[in-house]
């Protein structure tokens, strides 16, 4: 829907530009006519073309280099417009032959316009993949000065990563990590989580407190990741001879958030909650579970809407004066929302 709306705005801008150009060059033009020409076509293109890209082509093209993906898109777009123009030539009354219509300036300008629209859309999607939901905050300078926030953190780590790396070798292990991170990205995005860092085989995810506890998104995110990897078990067995399993640690609390660096700026979170979440994740093997949740976060989440919460007990964490209650979520799987 956002792609369709963006394209409609661009169509309005293009119609105004075309109208002004015609008037400047002494031609007769009505703005409503220019809008009537572009808006219906753009609406259909946004609904069908945008839908095709988002739901079918995006996952494949996002794994390719940007210029390779744009080249593939340009060829596909050329085929589409040639077919449409050929159909118009065959069905419509015209004295022009097909070559004349294809080389017609209006056709070439429309193809160039849609090429720019699609290329720009793909670039924006790539930037969104790069910066996530924090892209607007980065551009607006929201975190230029440090801010106090309440946040939830989930630290994910792959079990037996050292032995897996030794067995697969560096190149194959890197390919495995790349596939794993690609598979768990959608569950994170669907739960409205923000990817904080990739560190080796570990990935940390964050939510503003209200967003993360709303619909219990933070927990549902992990359950969705668990379900996604379970569904992909045959693929990983066939390609790598193993079934990857992640363990997760959750904690919530106050952090100081801000941007650091002049070149390659990065948003960082400072506070006890970050270290505590990492320490909680490290205790998963000790307690024989794939997820551990702090008692503070469990109290905020309330009664689970899926599965059950089982109390693990109190434990001492390095660097903390007080012990912390640990719980684990037991469920077969759920879809993040």
Protein backbone atom coordinates (compact mmCIF):
# COMPACT_ATOMS: atom_id res chain seq x y z
CA UNK A 1 0.00 0.00 0.00
CA UNK A 2 2.84 2.41 0.79
CA UNK A 3 4.37 1.72 -2.61
CA UNK A 4 1.05 2.47 -4.33
CA UNK A 5 0.63 5.73 -2.40
CA UNK A 6 4.20 6.79 -3.19
CA UNK A 7 3.67 6.05 -6.87
CA UNK A 8 0.41 8.04 -6.90
CA UNK A 9 2.25 11.06 -5.46
CA UNK A 10 4.97 10.68 -8.09
CA UNK A 11 2.31 10.45 -10.81
CA UNK A 12 0.80 13.74 -9.62
CA UNK A 13 4.22 15.40 -9.70
CA UNK A 14 4.89 14.02 -13.19
CA UNK A 15 1.48 15.22 -14.41
CA UNK A 16 2.12 18.74 -13.09
CA UNK A 17 5.58 18.78 -14.68
CA UNK A 18 4.21 17.56 -18.02
CA UNK A 19 1.39 20.13 -17.90
CA UNK A 20 3.83 22.98 -17.16
CA UNK A 21 6.20 21.85 -19.92
CA UNK A 22 3.42 21.83 -22.50
CA UNK A 23 2.24 25.30 -21.47
CA UNK A 24 5.78 26.72 -21.60
CA UNK A 25 6.18 25.39 -25.13
CA UNK A 26 2.90 26.94 -26.27
CA UNK A 27 0.84 23.75 -26.41
CA UNK A 28 -2.70 23.47 -25.09
CA UNK A 29 -2.93 21.44 -21.89
CA UNK A 30 -5.39 20.80 -19.07
CA UNK A 31 -4.01 19.61 -15.73
CA UNK A 32 -7.04 17.41 -15.12
CA UNK A 33 -6.41 15.67 -18.43
CA UNK A 34 -2.80 14.98 -17.49
CA UNK A 35 -3.90 13.60 -14.11
CA UNK A 36 -6.61 11.48 -15.74
CA UNK A 37 -3.98 9.96 -18.02
CA UNK A 38 -1.55 9.01 -15.28
CA UNK A 39 -3.48 8.26 -12.08
CA UNK A 40 -5.56 5.24 -13.21
CA UNK A 41 -2.53 3.60 -14.82
CA UNK A 42 -0.41 4.30 -11.76
CA UNK A 43 -3.07 2.91 -9.41
CA UNK A 44 -3.25 -0.35 -11.34
CA UNK A 45 0.53 -0.54 -11.63
CA UNK A 46 0.92 0.08 -7.91
CA UNK A 47 -1.62 -2.57 -6.93
CA UNK A 48 -0.45 -5.28 -9.33
CA UNK A 49 3.18 -4.38 -10.01
CA UNK A 50 3.90 -3.30 -6.44
CA UNK A 51 2.15 -6.40 -5.10
CA UNK A 52 4.12 -8.65 -7.45
CA UNK A 53 7.37 -7.05 -6.33
CA UNK A 54 6.68 -7.12 -2.59
CA UNK A 55 5.19 -10.60 -2.36
CA UNK A 56 7.03 -12.47 -5.12
CA UNK A 57 10.19 -10.79 -6.39
CA UNK A 58 11.49 -8.86 -3.39
CA UNK A 59 12.80 -11.84 -1.42
CA UNK A 60 14.74 -13.06 -4.46
CA UNK A 61 16.04 -9.69 -5.61
CA UNK A 62 17.04 -8.51 -2.13
CA UNK A 63 19.70 -11.26 -2.11
CA UNK A 64 21.24 -9.89 -5.32
CA UNK A 65 23.49 -6.85 -5.75
CA UNK A 66 21.39 -3.74 -6.37
CA UNK A 67 22.48 -3.15 -9.98
CA UNK A 68 21.90 -6.78 -10.92
CA UNK A 69 18.38 -6.57 -9.49
CA UNK A 70 17.71 -3.30 -11.34
CA UNK A 71 18.93 -4.85 -14.60
CA UNK A 72 16.59 -7.80 -14.13
CA UNK A 73 13.75 -5.42 -13.37
CA UNK A 74 14.51 -3.32 -16.47
CA UNK A 75 14.32 -6.39 -18.71
CA UNK A 76 11.08 -7.54 -17.11
CA UNK A 77 9.59 -4.05 -17.43
CA UNK A 78 10.63 -3.88 -21.09
CA UNK A 79 8.88 -7.17 -21.83
CA UNK A 80 5.71 -5.97 -20.08
CA UNK A 81 5.51 -2.65 -21.93
CA UNK A 82 6.32 -4.28 -25.27
CA UNK A 83 3.50 -6.77 -24.76
CA UNK A 84 1.06 -4.03 -23.75
CA UNK A 85 2.08 -1.79 -26.65
CA UNK A 86 1.86 -4.71 -29.05
CA UNK A 87 -1.63 -5.53 -27.81
CA UNK A 88 -2.71 -1.90 -28.26
CA UNK A 89 -1.29 -1.90 -31.79
CA UNK A 90 -3.03 -5.18 -32.69
CA UNK A 91 -6.42 -4.27 -31.22
CA UNK A 92 -6.62 -0.52 -31.79
CA UNK A 93 -7.32 1.26 -35.07
CA UNK A 94 -4.01 2.79 -36.18
CA UNK A 95 -2.09 3.45 -39.36
CA UNK A 96 1.28 3.13 -37.59
CA UNK A 97 3.25 -0.09 -37.76
CA UNK A 98 4.50 -1.67 -34.53
CA UNK A 99 8.08 -0.40 -35.02
CA UNK A 100 6.84 3.18 -35.28
CA UNK A 101 4.85 2.82 -32.08
CA UNK A 102 7.76 1.28 -30.18
CA UNK A 103 10.11 4.06 -31.24
CA UNK A 104 7.49 6.71 -30.56
CA UNK A 105 8.74 9.33 -28.11
CA UNK A 106 5.73 8.94 -25.81
CA UNK A 107 6.40 5.22 -25.45
CA UNK A 108 10.10 5.72 -24.75
CA UNK A 109 9.42 8.47 -22.22
CA UNK A 110 6.88 6.30 -20.39
CA UNK A 111 9.33 3.41 -20.27
CA UNK A 112 12.01 5.73 -18.90
CA UNK A 113 9.59 7.10 -16.33
CA UNK A 114 8.62 3.66 -15.02
CA UNK A 115 12.23 2.58 -15.05
CA UNK A 116 13.08 5.49 -12.74
CA UNK A 117 10.05 4.79 -10.54
CA UNK A 118 10.90 1.11 -10.12
CA UNK A 119 14.61 1.77 -9.67
CA UNK A 120 13.87 4.41 -7.03
CA UNK A 121 11.43 2.10 -5.27
CA UNK A 122 13.98 -0.69 -5.14
CA UNK A 123 16.59 1.74 -3.80
CA UNK A 124 14.22 2.88 -1.03
CA UNK A 125 13.48 -0.74 -0.14
CA UNK A 126 17.23 -1.45 0.04
CA UNK A 127 17.77 1.57 2.29
CA UNK A 128 14.90 0.41 4.49
CA UNK A 129 16.57 -3.01 4.72
CA UNK A 130 19.83 -1.28 5.64
CA UNK A 131 18.50 1.09 8.29
CA UNK A 132 15.21 -0.58 9.24
CA UNK A 133 12.59 1.41 11.12
CA UNK A 134 15.36 3.65 12.40
CA UNK A 135 15.92 5.24 9.00
CA UNK A 136 13.54 8.13 9.65
CA UNK A 137 15.06 8.70 13.09
CA UNK A 138 18.51 8.74 11.51
CA UNK A 139 17.55 11.30 8.86
CA UNK A 140 15.64 13.51 11.32
CA UNK A 141 18.47 13.50 13.86
CA UNK A 142 16.13 12.19 16.56
CA UNK A 143 19.03 10.47 18.35
CA UNK A 144 21.60 13.18 17.68
CA UNK A 145 21.42 13.90 21.41
CA UNK A 146 21.26 11.00 23.90
CA UNK A 147 17.75 10.03 24.98
CA UNK A 148 16.42 7.97 27.85
CA UNK A 149 14.12 5.15 26.71
CA UNK A 150 12.42 2.03 27.99
CA UNK A 151 13.25 -0.87 25.68
CA UNK A 152 13.04 -4.63 25.31
CA UNK A 153 16.06 -6.58 24.08
CA UNK A 154 16.26 -10.07 22.63
CA UNK A 155 19.69 -11.64 22.15
CA UNK A 156 19.70 -14.58 19.72
CA UNK A 157 22.61 -16.98 19.45
CA UNK A 158 23.02 -20.21 17.47
CA UNK A 159 23.69 -23.32 19.50
CA UNK A 160 26.91 -25.28 18.94
CA UNK A 161 28.18 -22.59 16.60
CA UNK A 162 31.87 -23.35 17.19
CA UNK A 163 31.58 -27.04 16.32
CA UNK A 164 29.38 -26.21 13.31
CA UNK A 165 31.96 -23.71 12.03
CA UNK A 166 34.75 -26.28 12.40
CA UNK A 167 32.73 -28.90 10.54
CA UNK A 168 31.59 -26.68 7.65
CA UNK A 169 34.66 -24.50 7.20
CA UNK A 170 34.71 -20.71 7.07
CA UNK A 171 33.08 -20.22 3.65
CA UNK A 172 30.23 -22.72 4.14
CA UNK A 173 29.65 -21.44 7.67
CA UNK A 174 29.34 -17.88 6.37
CA UNK A 175 26.81 -19.09 3.77
CA UNK A 176 24.85 -20.79 6.54
CA UNK A 177 24.76 -17.63 8.64
CA UNK A 178 23.67 -15.58 5.65
CA UNK A 179 20.76 -17.93 4.98
CA UNK A 180 19.80 -18.07 8.65
CA UNK A 181 19.76 -14.30 9.06
CA UNK A 182 17.73 -13.98 5.85
CA UNK A 183 15.18 -16.51 7.15
CA UNK A 184 14.71 -14.83 10.52
CA UNK A 185 14.53 -11.29 9.14
CA UNK A 186 10.83 -11.41 8.19
CA UNK A 187 9.68 -12.65 11.63
CA UNK A 188 11.62 -9.76 13.18
CA UNK A 189 10.14 -7.20 10.79
CA UNK A 190 6.60 -8.59 11.16
CA UNK A 191 6.91 -8.20 14.92
CA UNK A 192 8.06 -4.59 14.35
CA UNK A 193 11.43 -5.32 15.90
CA UNK A 194 14.59 -3.35 15.15
CA UNK A 195 17.78 -5.26 14.40
CA UNK A 196 20.43 -3.72 16.62
CA UNK A 197 23.60 -5.66 15.82
CA UNK A 198 25.02 -8.72 14.10
CA UNK A 199 28.01 -10.09 16.00
CA UNK A 200 29.28 -13.34 14.52
CA UNK A 201 26.45 -15.84 14.83
CA UNK A 202 24.59 -13.61 17.29
CA UNK A 203 21.88 -11.10 16.49
CA UNK A 204 20.34 -8.62 18.90
CA UNK A 205 16.86 -7.20 18.40
CA UNK A 206 15.17 -4.30 20.20
CA UNK A 207 11.66 -2.91 20.63
CA UNK A 208 10.41 0.27 22.29
CA UNK A 209 8.71 -1.04 25.42
CA UNK A 210 5.08 -0.36 24.48
CA UNK A 211 5.52 -1.77 20.99
CA UNK A 212 7.27 -4.91 22.22
CA UNK A 213 4.72 -5.81 24.89
CA UNK A 214 1.79 -4.90 22.63
CA UNK A 215 0.32 -8.22 21.40
CA UNK A 216 3.36 -9.75 23.12
CA UNK A 217 5.29 -9.09 19.91
CA UNK A 218 8.74 -9.71 21.39
CA UNK A 219 7.86 -13.27 22.48
CA UNK A 220 5.83 -14.01 19.37
CA UNK A 221 8.84 -12.96 17.31
CA UNK A 222 10.97 -15.72 18.79
CA UNK A 223 8.20 -18.29 18.44
CA UNK A 224 7.80 -17.33 14.79
CA UNK A 225 11.56 -17.68 14.26
CA UNK A 226 11.42 -21.12 15.86
CA UNK A 227 8.56 -22.11 13.56
CA UNK A 228 10.28 -20.71 10.46
CA UNK A 229 13.46 -22.68 11.09
CA UNK A 230 11.45 -25.83 11.81
CA UNK A 231 9.69 -25.46 8.45
CA UNK A 232 13.08 -25.02 6.75
CA UNK A 233 14.59 -28.13 8.38
CA UNK A 234 14.62 -30.22 5.16
CA UNK A 235 16.51 -27.45 3.34
CA UNK A 236 19.20 -27.10 6.00
CA UNK A 237 19.61 -30.87 6.31
CA UNK A 238 20.03 -31.25 2.56
CA UNK A 239 22.39 -28.29 2.12
CA UNK A 240 24.43 -28.32 5.34
CA UNK A 241 23.64 -31.64 7.03
CA UNK A 242 22.37 -30.01 10.23
CA UNK A 243 19.37 -28.34 11.83
CA UNK A 244 20.21 -24.86 13.22
CA UNK A 245 18.70 -23.98 16.59
CA UNK A 246 18.70 -20.56 18.21
CA UNK A 247 18.53 -19.69 21.88
CA UNK A 248 17.23 -16.33 23.11
CA UNK A 249 17.48 -14.14 26.18
CA UNK A 250 14.96 -11.37 26.93
CA UNK A 251 15.09 -8.42 29.28
CA UNK A 252 13.52 -4.96 29.49
CA UNK A 253 14.45 -1.72 31.19
CA UNK A 254 15.83 1.81 30.78
CA UNK A 255 18.63 2.56 28.33
CA UNK A 256 20.39 5.64 27.00
CA UNK A 257 20.11 5.79 23.22
CA UNK A 258 22.22 7.93 20.91
CA UNK A 259 24.28 8.12 17.73
CA UNK A 260 28.07 7.90 17.82
CA UNK A 261 30.73 8.59 15.20
CA UNK A 262 31.15 11.16 12.45
CA UNK A 263 31.71 8.62 9.68
CA UNK A 264 29.49 5.53 9.47
CA UNK A 265 27.25 6.71 12.29
CA UNK A 266 25.75 4.03 14.48
CA UNK A 267 23.01 4.06 17.07
CA UNK A 268 24.04 2.45 20.35
CA UNK A 269 22.23 1.55 23.55
CA UNK A 270 23.92 1.96 26.90
CA UNK A 271 22.62 0.49 30.12
CA UNK A 272 22.47 -2.53 32.38
CA UNK A 273 19.52 -3.99 30.46
CA UNK A 274 21.68 -4.73 27.40
CA UNK A 275 24.32 -6.68 29.31
CA UNK A 276 21.67 -8.45 31.37
CA UNK A 277 19.83 -9.68 28.27
CA UNK A 278 23.11 -11.08 26.91
CA UNK A 279 23.89 -12.83 30.21
CA UNK A 280 20.37 -14.30 30.35
CA UNK A 281 20.82 -15.78 26.88
CA UNK A 282 24.08 -17.40 27.98
CA UNK A 283 22.17 -19.35 30.67
CA UNK A 284 19.90 -21.17 28.19
CA UNK A 285 22.23 -24.18 27.86
CA UNK A 286 22.59 -24.45 31.63
CA UNK A 287 18.82 -24.74 32.09
CA UNK A 288 18.20 -26.84 28.98
CA UNK A 289 15.83 -24.41 27.26
CA UNK A 290 15.91 -22.36 24.07
CA UNK A 291 14.62 -19.14 25.64
CA UNK A 292 14.84 -17.34 28.97
CA UNK A 293 12.85 -14.26 29.96
CA UNK A 294 13.52 -11.99 32.91
CA UNK A 295 10.88 -11.75 35.62
CA UNK A 296 10.59 -8.00 35.04
CA UNK A 297 9.57 -8.54 31.42
CA UNK A 298 7.20 -11.39 32.30
CA UNK A 299 5.40 -9.05 34.71
CA UNK A 300 4.98 -6.48 31.93
CA UNK A 301 3.77 -9.05 29.40
CA UNK A 302 1.08 -10.51 31.63
CA UNK A 303 -0.59 -13.85 30.94
CA UNK A 304 0.71 -15.36 27.69
CA UNK A 305 -1.71 -15.49 24.77
CA UNK A 306 -0.01 -18.62 23.46
CA UNK A 307 1.74 -21.49 25.21
CA UNK A 308 2.66 -21.35 28.88
CA UNK A 309 5.24 -19.59 31.02
CA UNK A 310 7.30 -21.87 33.25
CA UNK A 311 9.32 -20.45 36.12
CA UNK A 312 12.98 -21.47 36.13
CA UNK A 313 13.95 -19.78 39.40
CA UNK A 314 16.24 -17.06 40.71
CA UNK A 315 19.85 -16.74 39.65
CA UNK A 316 22.80 -14.47 40.21
CA UNK A 317 24.19 -12.64 37.20
CA UNK A 318 27.69 -11.28 36.87
CA UNK A 319 27.74 -7.53 37.48
CA UNK A 320 24.32 -7.41 39.19
CA UNK A 321 23.88 -6.99 42.92
CA UNK A 322 20.41 -8.51 42.99
CA UNK A 323 19.36 -11.91 41.72
CA UNK A 324 16.96 -12.09 38.80
CA UNK A 325 13.91 -14.28 38.21
CA UNK A 326 14.00 -16.35 35.01
CA UNK A 327 11.10 -17.82 33.06
CA UNK A 328 10.80 -19.74 29.81
CA UNK A 329 8.03 -19.75 27.23
CA UNK A 330 6.89 -23.21 26.17
CA UNK A 331 4.88 -23.29 22.94
CA UNK A 332 4.85 -25.10 19.63
CA UNK A 333 4.98 -21.87 17.55
CA UNK A 334 3.14 -18.68 16.79
CA UNK A 335 3.07 -15.99 14.20
CA UNK A 336 4.39 -12.61 15.08
CA UNK A 337 2.14 -9.68 14.44
